[in-house]
Amino acid sequence: MTTYVPIVTEIGTLRGRDAVYLDSVAISDHQNTLTLCGEFNCSLASKPPRAKWQAYRVRFSGLLALQMIELDTWESLQEGRWTETSFDEVVDSSWLARMHGKASNKHRHFVFQTYDHVFEMICTSYELELKEARA
């Protein structure tokens, strides 16, 4: 059965549509990476720092599959299945299972929800870097 497991960041889990703002998207084909940059709304984090906004960069490596869907459309396609937070790992993913011989046991399925878009990736790893906070 598919389960959504929250990713716990340095500022805890992020919940709500307003929790993640996206400023830029970069895909490197020859490195098989997706990099997303923006800001977290710290008032919607489970362990908020003193600053209201925290800049981030998250890089997904070993990218095998990627889909980006407008948030409201993505929600309408979920058929009652909901993520726990704005950044989750999908355990027992049917999408990952359909990758057959392309996916290895190192591949994982992640969902990263921003204010406007939802990114779903099958990749081998991610790295989240928190940058300068602003008041």
N, C-alpha and C. Protein backbone atom coordinates (compact mmCIF):
# COMPACT_ATOMS: atom_id res chain seq x y z
N MET A 1 0.84 -1.19 0.00
CA MET A 1 0.00 0.00 0.00
C MET A 1 0.89 1.25 0.00
N THR A 2 0.57 2.18 -0.84
CA THR A 2 1.33 3.41 -0.94
C THR A 2 1.21 4.24 0.34
N THR A 3 2.36 4.71 0.82
CA THR A 3 2.42 5.53 2.03
C THR A 3 3.24 6.76 1.75
N TYR A 4 2.81 7.91 2.26
CA TYR A 4 3.57 9.15 2.14
C TYR A 4 4.29 9.39 3.46
N VAL A 5 5.61 9.49 3.40
CA VAL A 5 6.42 9.68 4.59
C VAL A 5 7.03 11.08 4.55
N PRO A 6 6.72 11.92 5.53
CA PRO A 6 7.26 13.29 5.52
C PRO A 6 8.78 13.32 5.58
N ILE A 7 9.37 14.23 4.82
CA ILE A 7 10.81 14.49 4.90
C ILE A 7 10.99 15.54 6.00
N VAL A 8 11.83 15.22 6.96
CA VAL A 8 12.11 16.15 8.06
C VAL A 8 13.37 16.94 7.71
N THR A 9 13.22 18.25 7.59
CA THR A 9 14.33 19.14 7.27
C THR A 9 14.90 19.73 8.55
N GLU A 10 15.90 20.58 8.41
CA GLU A 10 16.47 21.27 9.57
C GLU A 10 15.43 22.13 10.29
N ILE A 11 14.40 22.57 9.57
CA ILE A 11 13.35 23.38 10.18
C ILE A 11 12.07 22.55 10.39
N GLY A 12 12.23 21.24 10.37
CA GLY A 12 11.12 20.33 10.59
C GLY A 12 10.37 20.01 9.30
N THR A 13 9.13 19.61 9.46
CA THR A 13 8.29 19.32 8.30
C THR A 13 7.60 20.60 7.85
N LEU A 14 7.23 20.64 6.59
CA LEU A 14 6.59 21.81 5.99
C LEU A 14 5.17 21.43 5.59
N ARG A 15 4.20 22.21 6.06
CA ARG A 15 2.80 21.87 5.80
C ARG A 15 2.04 23.07 5.24
N GLY A 16 1.29 22.81 4.18
CA GLY A 16 0.40 23.83 3.64
C GLY A 16 0.85 24.39 2.31
N ARG A 17 -0.12 24.87 1.56
CA ARG A 17 0.15 25.40 0.23
C ARG A 17 1.13 26.57 0.26
N ASP A 18 1.09 27.37 1.30
CA ASP A 18 1.96 28.54 1.39
C ASP A 18 3.32 28.23 1.99
N ALA A 19 3.65 26.97 2.21
CA ALA A 19 4.90 26.61 2.89
C ALA A 19 6.12 26.71 1.98
N VAL A 20 5.96 26.48 0.67
CA VAL A 20 7.11 26.41 -0.23
C VAL A 20 6.87 27.30 -1.44
N TYR A 21 7.76 28.27 -1.60
CA TYR A 21 7.73 29.14 -2.78
C TYR A 21 8.90 28.78 -3.67
N LEU A 22 8.66 28.80 -4.97
CA LEU A 22 9.64 28.38 -5.96
C LEU A 22 10.08 29.57 -6.78
N ASP A 23 11.40 29.76 -6.88
CA ASP A 23 11.95 30.85 -7.70
C ASP A 23 12.56 30.35 -8.99
N SER A 24 13.20 29.16 -8.96
CA SER A 24 13.85 28.68 -10.18
C SER A 24 13.88 27.16 -10.24
N VAL A 25 13.91 26.68 -11.48
CA VAL A 25 13.98 25.25 -11.78
C VAL A 25 15.10 25.06 -12.78
N ALA A 26 15.97 24.09 -12.53
CA ALA A 26 17.05 23.78 -13.47
C ALA A 26 17.15 22.27 -13.62
N ILE A 27 17.22 21.83 -14.86
CA ILE A 27 17.39 20.42 -15.16
C ILE A 27 18.71 20.27 -15.90
N SER A 28 19.54 19.37 -15.41
CA SER A 28 20.80 19.07 -16.09
C SER A 28 20.69 17.68 -16.67
N ASP A 29 20.58 17.61 -17.98
CA ASP A 29 20.39 16.33 -18.64
C ASP A 29 21.62 15.43 -18.51
N HIS A 30 22.80 16.00 -18.69
CA HIS A 30 23.99 15.14 -18.66
C HIS A 30 24.34 14.69 -17.25
N GLN A 31 23.83 15.38 -16.21
CA GLN A 31 24.05 14.95 -14.83
C GLN A 31 22.82 14.28 -14.23
N ASN A 32 21.73 14.25 -14.97
CA ASN A 32 20.47 13.68 -14.47
C ASN A 32 20.06 14.27 -13.14
N THR A 33 20.04 15.61 -13.06
CA THR A 33 19.64 16.29 -11.83
C THR A 33 18.53 17.30 -12.08
N LEU A 34 17.75 17.51 -11.05
CA LEU A 34 16.74 18.56 -11.00
C LEU A 34 17.08 19.41 -9.79
N THR A 35 17.19 20.72 -9.98
CA THR A 35 17.48 21.63 -8.87
C THR A 35 16.36 22.64 -8.76
N LEU A 36 15.79 22.76 -7.57
CA LEU A 36 14.72 23.71 -7.28
C LEU A 36 15.24 24.68 -6.23
N CYS A 37 15.01 25.98 -6.45
CA CYS A 37 15.43 27.01 -5.49
C CYS A 37 14.25 27.91 -5.18
N GLY A 38 14.21 28.38 -3.94
CA GLY A 38 13.14 29.28 -3.53
C GLY A 38 13.24 29.59 -2.06
N GLU A 39 12.07 29.77 -1.43
CA GLU A 39 12.03 30.08 -0.01
C GLU A 39 10.95 29.27 0.69
N PHE A 40 11.26 28.87 1.93
CA PHE A 40 10.27 28.23 2.80
C PHE A 40 9.64 29.30 3.68
N ASN A 41 8.35 29.21 3.87
CA ASN A 41 7.63 30.04 4.83
C ASN A 41 7.77 29.36 6.18
N CYS A 42 8.66 29.88 7.02
CA CYS A 42 9.00 29.22 8.28
C CYS A 42 7.86 29.16 9.28
N SER A 43 6.85 30.01 9.11
CA SER A 43 5.71 29.94 10.03
C SER A 43 4.91 28.66 9.80
N LEU A 44 5.16 27.96 8.70
CA LEU A 44 4.47 26.70 8.41
C LEU A 44 5.39 25.49 8.57
N ALA A 45 6.52 25.70 9.24
CA ALA A 45 7.45 24.61 9.55
C ALA A 45 7.22 24.13 10.97
N SER A 46 7.46 22.85 11.22
CA SER A 46 7.22 22.31 12.57
C SER A 46 8.28 22.74 13.58
N LYS A 47 9.47 23.15 13.10
CA LYS A 47 10.54 23.67 13.99
C LYS A 47 11.02 25.00 13.42
N PRO A 48 10.18 26.02 13.45
CA PRO A 48 10.53 27.27 12.76
C PRO A 48 11.70 28.00 13.42
N PRO A 49 12.62 28.50 12.60
CA PRO A 49 13.67 29.36 13.14
C PRO A 49 13.08 30.74 13.42
N ARG A 50 13.90 31.66 13.85
CA ARG A 50 13.39 33.01 14.16
C ARG A 50 12.97 33.77 12.90
N ALA A 51 13.65 33.51 11.80
CA ALA A 51 13.33 34.21 10.56
C ALA A 51 12.01 33.69 9.98
N LYS A 52 11.28 34.56 9.31
CA LYS A 52 10.01 34.14 8.68
C LYS A 52 10.26 33.37 7.39
N TRP A 53 11.32 33.70 6.66
CA TRP A 53 11.61 33.10 5.36
C TRP A 53 12.99 32.46 5.37
N GLN A 54 13.09 31.27 4.79
CA GLN A 54 14.36 30.55 4.72
C GLN A 54 14.60 30.14 3.27
N ALA A 55 15.67 30.65 2.67
CA ALA A 55 16.00 30.27 1.30
C ALA A 55 16.46 28.81 1.28
N TYR A 56 16.15 28.12 0.19
CA TYR A 56 16.56 26.72 0.05
C TYR A 56 17.02 26.43 -1.36
N ARG A 57 17.78 25.35 -1.47
CA ARG A 57 18.10 24.73 -2.76
C ARG A 57 18.00 23.24 -2.53
N VAL A 58 17.18 22.57 -3.32
CA VAL A 58 17.08 21.11 -3.22
C VAL A 58 17.46 20.54 -4.58
N ARG A 59 18.36 19.57 -4.54
CA ARG A 59 18.85 18.93 -5.77
C ARG A 59 18.52 17.45 -5.71
N PHE A 60 17.81 16.98 -6.73
CA PHE A 60 17.47 15.57 -6.87
C PHE A 60 18.41 14.98 -7.91
N SER A 61 19.14 13.94 -7.53
CA SER A 61 20.16 13.34 -8.40
C SER A 61 19.76 11.94 -8.83
N GLY A 62 20.38 11.48 -9.92
CA GLY A 62 20.05 10.16 -10.44
C GLY A 62 18.62 10.11 -10.94
N LEU A 63 18.19 11.20 -11.56
CA LEU A 63 16.80 11.36 -12.00
C LEU A 63 16.46 10.34 -13.09
N LEU A 64 15.42 9.57 -12.84
CA LEU A 64 14.93 8.59 -13.81
C LEU A 64 13.61 9.06 -14.43
N ALA A 65 12.78 9.72 -13.62
CA ALA A 65 11.47 10.20 -14.10
C ALA A 65 11.11 11.47 -13.35
N LEU A 66 10.39 12.35 -14.06
CA LEU A 66 9.99 13.64 -13.49
C LEU A 66 8.66 14.05 -14.09
N GLN A 67 7.77 14.54 -13.23
CA GLN A 67 6.55 15.18 -13.72
C GLN A 67 6.28 16.42 -12.89
N MET A 68 5.84 17.45 -13.56
CA MET A 68 5.48 18.71 -12.91
C MET A 68 4.04 18.99 -13.29
N ILE A 69 3.18 19.18 -12.26
CA ILE A 69 1.76 19.39 -12.50
C ILE A 69 1.30 20.58 -11.67
N GLU A 70 0.46 21.41 -12.23
CA GLU A 70 -0.12 22.54 -11.50
C GLU A 70 -0.82 21.97 -10.27
N LEU A 71 -0.68 22.65 -9.12
CA LEU A 71 -1.12 22.12 -7.82
C LEU A 71 -2.59 21.70 -7.79
N ASP A 72 -3.51 22.56 -8.22
CA ASP A 72 -4.93 22.22 -8.15
C ASP A 72 -5.26 21.02 -9.04
N THR A 73 -4.61 20.93 -10.19
CA THR A 73 -4.81 19.78 -11.08
C THR A 73 -4.28 18.52 -10.43
N TRP A 74 -3.09 18.60 -9.82
CA TRP A 74 -2.49 17.45 -9.14
C TRP A 74 -3.42 16.95 -8.03
N GLU A 75 -3.97 17.88 -7.24
CA GLU A 75 -4.87 17.48 -6.16
C GLU A 75 -6.10 16.76 -6.70
N SER A 76 -6.63 17.22 -7.85
CA SER A 76 -7.83 16.58 -8.41
C SER A 76 -7.55 15.18 -8.94
N LEU A 77 -6.29 14.87 -9.20
CA LEU A 77 -5.91 13.55 -9.72
C LEU A 77 -5.59 12.54 -8.61
N GLN A 78 -5.60 12.95 -7.37
CA GLN A 78 -5.13 12.09 -6.28
C GLN A 78 -6.10 11.02 -5.81
N GLU A 79 -7.36 11.11 -6.16
CA GLU A 79 -8.34 10.08 -5.83
C GLU A 79 -8.33 9.72 -4.35
N GLY A 80 -8.31 10.75 -3.50
CA GLY A 80 -8.38 10.52 -2.07
C GLY A 80 -7.06 10.23 -1.38
N ARG A 81 -5.96 10.10 -2.14
CA ARG A 81 -4.64 9.87 -1.54
C ARG A 81 -3.98 11.22 -1.36
N TRP A 82 -3.53 11.50 -0.15
CA TRP A 82 -2.94 12.82 0.12
C TRP A 82 -1.57 12.67 0.73
N THR A 83 -0.72 13.60 0.39
CA THR A 83 0.59 13.63 1.02
C THR A 83 0.44 14.13 2.45
N GLU A 84 1.43 13.83 3.27
CA GLU A 84 1.42 14.27 4.66
C GLU A 84 1.87 15.72 4.78
N THR A 85 2.87 16.10 3.97
CA THR A 85 3.47 17.43 4.07
C THR A 85 3.77 17.94 2.66
N SER A 86 4.49 19.04 2.59
CA SER A 86 4.86 19.60 1.29
C SER A 86 6.06 18.90 0.66
N PHE A 87 6.75 18.04 1.42
CA PHE A 87 7.89 17.29 0.91
C PHE A 87 7.84 15.90 1.52
N ASP A 88 7.48 14.92 0.69
CA ASP A 88 7.30 13.55 1.16
C ASP A 88 8.03 12.56 0.27
N GLU A 89 8.35 11.42 0.86
CA GLU A 89 8.79 10.26 0.07
C GLU A 89 7.60 9.33 -0.06
N VAL A 90 7.41 8.78 -1.25
CA VAL A 90 6.32 7.84 -1.50
C VAL A 90 6.89 6.43 -1.38
N VAL A 91 6.45 5.72 -0.36
CA VAL A 91 6.90 4.36 -0.11
C VAL A 91 5.90 3.40 -0.75
N ASP A 92 6.40 2.33 -1.35
CA ASP A 92 5.59 1.37 -2.10
C ASP A 92 4.86 2.08 -3.25
N SER A 93 5.62 2.87 -3.97
CA SER A 93 5.10 3.67 -5.08
C SER A 93 4.76 2.79 -6.29
N SER A 94 3.53 2.91 -6.77
CA SER A 94 3.14 2.17 -7.98
C SER A 94 3.85 2.74 -9.20
N TRP A 95 4.13 4.04 -9.19
CA TRP A 95 4.85 4.66 -10.31
C TRP A 95 6.27 4.09 -10.39
N LEU A 96 6.94 3.99 -9.27
CA LEU A 96 8.28 3.42 -9.23
C LEU A 96 8.25 1.95 -9.65
N ALA A 97 7.25 1.21 -9.22
CA ALA A 97 7.13 -0.20 -9.58
C ALA A 97 6.96 -0.39 -11.08
N ARG A 98 6.33 0.58 -11.75
CA ARG A 98 6.12 0.49 -13.20
C ARG A 98 7.39 0.81 -14.00
N MET A 99 8.47 1.19 -13.35
CA MET A 99 9.72 1.50 -14.06
C MET A 99 10.47 0.23 -14.46
N HIS A 100 10.00 -0.91 -14.00
CA HIS A 100 10.55 -2.23 -14.35
C HIS A 100 12.07 -2.25 -14.22
N GLY A 101 12.77 -2.65 -15.26
CA GLY A 101 14.22 -2.82 -15.20
C GLY A 101 15.03 -1.55 -15.14
N LYS A 102 14.42 -0.41 -15.36
CA LYS A 102 15.16 0.85 -15.33
C LYS A 102 15.50 1.30 -13.91
N ALA A 103 14.64 1.02 -12.97
CA ALA A 103 14.85 1.46 -11.59
C ALA A 103 15.63 0.39 -10.82
N SER A 104 16.53 0.87 -9.98
CA SER A 104 17.27 -0.04 -9.10
C SER A 104 16.72 0.09 -7.69
N ASN A 105 17.27 -0.69 -6.77
CA ASN A 105 16.80 -0.58 -5.38
C ASN A 105 17.27 0.72 -4.73
N LYS A 106 18.08 1.51 -5.44
CA LYS A 106 18.51 2.82 -4.93
C LYS A 106 17.52 3.93 -5.29
N HIS A 107 16.63 3.68 -6.24
CA HIS A 107 15.68 4.71 -6.67
C HIS A 107 14.56 4.87 -5.66
N ARG A 108 14.15 6.15 -5.50
CA ARG A 108 13.09 6.51 -4.56
C ARG A 108 12.15 7.50 -5.25
N HIS A 109 10.93 7.57 -4.76
CA HIS A 109 9.90 8.45 -5.32
C HIS A 109 9.64 9.57 -4.31
N PHE A 110 9.80 10.83 -4.75
CA PHE A 110 9.57 11.99 -3.89
C PHE A 110 8.49 12.88 -4.49
N VAL A 111 7.78 13.59 -3.60
CA VAL A 111 6.79 14.60 -3.99
C VAL A 111 7.19 15.89 -3.30
N PHE A 112 7.36 16.97 -4.08
CA PHE A 112 7.74 18.28 -3.56
C PHE A 112 6.69 19.28 -4.04
N GLN A 113 5.87 19.79 -3.11
CA GLN A 113 4.76 20.69 -3.45
C GLN A 113 5.15 22.13 -3.19
N THR A 114 5.02 22.95 -4.21
CA THR A 114 5.24 24.38 -4.05
C THR A 114 3.88 25.08 -4.11
N TYR A 115 3.89 26.39 -4.01
CA TYR A 115 2.64 27.15 -4.02
C TYR A 115 1.83 26.89 -5.28
N ASP A 116 2.50 26.80 -6.42
CA ASP A 116 1.79 26.65 -7.70
C ASP A 116 1.90 25.28 -8.35
N HIS A 117 2.98 24.55 -8.07
CA HIS A 117 3.24 23.31 -8.78
C HIS A 117 3.64 22.18 -7.85
N VAL A 118 3.42 20.96 -8.33
CA VAL A 118 3.87 19.76 -7.63
C VAL A 118 4.87 19.05 -8.54
N PHE A 119 6.02 18.73 -7.97
CA PHE A 119 7.05 17.98 -8.68
C PHE A 119 7.09 16.58 -8.09
N GLU A 120 7.01 15.58 -8.97
CA GLU A 120 7.20 14.20 -8.54
C GLU A 120 8.40 13.67 -9.29
N MET A 121 9.31 13.05 -8.54
CA MET A 121 10.54 12.57 -9.12
C MET A 121 10.80 11.15 -8.67
N ILE A 122 11.39 10.37 -9.57
CA ILE A 122 12.02 9.10 -9.20
C ILE A 122 13.50 9.34 -9.42
N CYS A 123 14.25 9.22 -8.33
CA CYS A 123 15.67 9.54 -8.36
C CYS A 123 16.39 8.70 -7.31
N THR A 124 17.71 8.80 -7.29
CA THR A 124 18.47 8.01 -6.32
C THR A 124 18.73 8.76 -5.02
N SER A 125 18.73 10.09 -5.04
CA SER A 125 19.00 10.83 -3.81
C SER A 125 18.55 12.28 -3.94
N TYR A 126 18.54 12.96 -2.81
CA TYR A 126 18.29 14.40 -2.81
C TYR A 126 19.23 15.04 -1.80
N GLU A 127 19.49 16.31 -2.01
CA GLU A 127 20.29 17.11 -1.08
C GLU A 127 19.57 18.44 -0.88
N LEU A 128 19.25 18.76 0.36
CA LEU A 128 18.57 20.01 0.68
C LEU A 128 19.54 20.91 1.41
N GLU A 129 19.72 22.10 0.85
CA GLU A 129 20.62 23.08 1.46
C GLU A 129 19.81 24.30 1.84
N LEU A 130 19.86 24.68 3.12
CA LEU A 130 19.22 25.89 3.57
C LEU A 130 20.23 27.03 3.46
N LYS A 131 19.77 28.15 2.94
CA LYS A 131 20.65 29.29 2.73
C LYS A 131 20.28 30.41 3.68
N GLU A 132 20.70 31.61 3.37
CA GLU A 132 20.43 32.75 4.24
C GLU A 132 18.95 32.95 4.48
N ALA A 133 18.62 33.21 5.72
CA ALA A 133 17.24 33.50 6.09
C ALA A 133 17.02 35.01 5.98
N ARG A 134 15.75 35.38 5.76
CA ARG A 134 15.42 36.81 5.77
C ARG A 134 14.25 37.02 6.71
N ALA A 135 14.18 38.19 7.27
CA ALA A 135 13.16 38.49 8.28
C ALA A 135 11.77 38.54 7.70
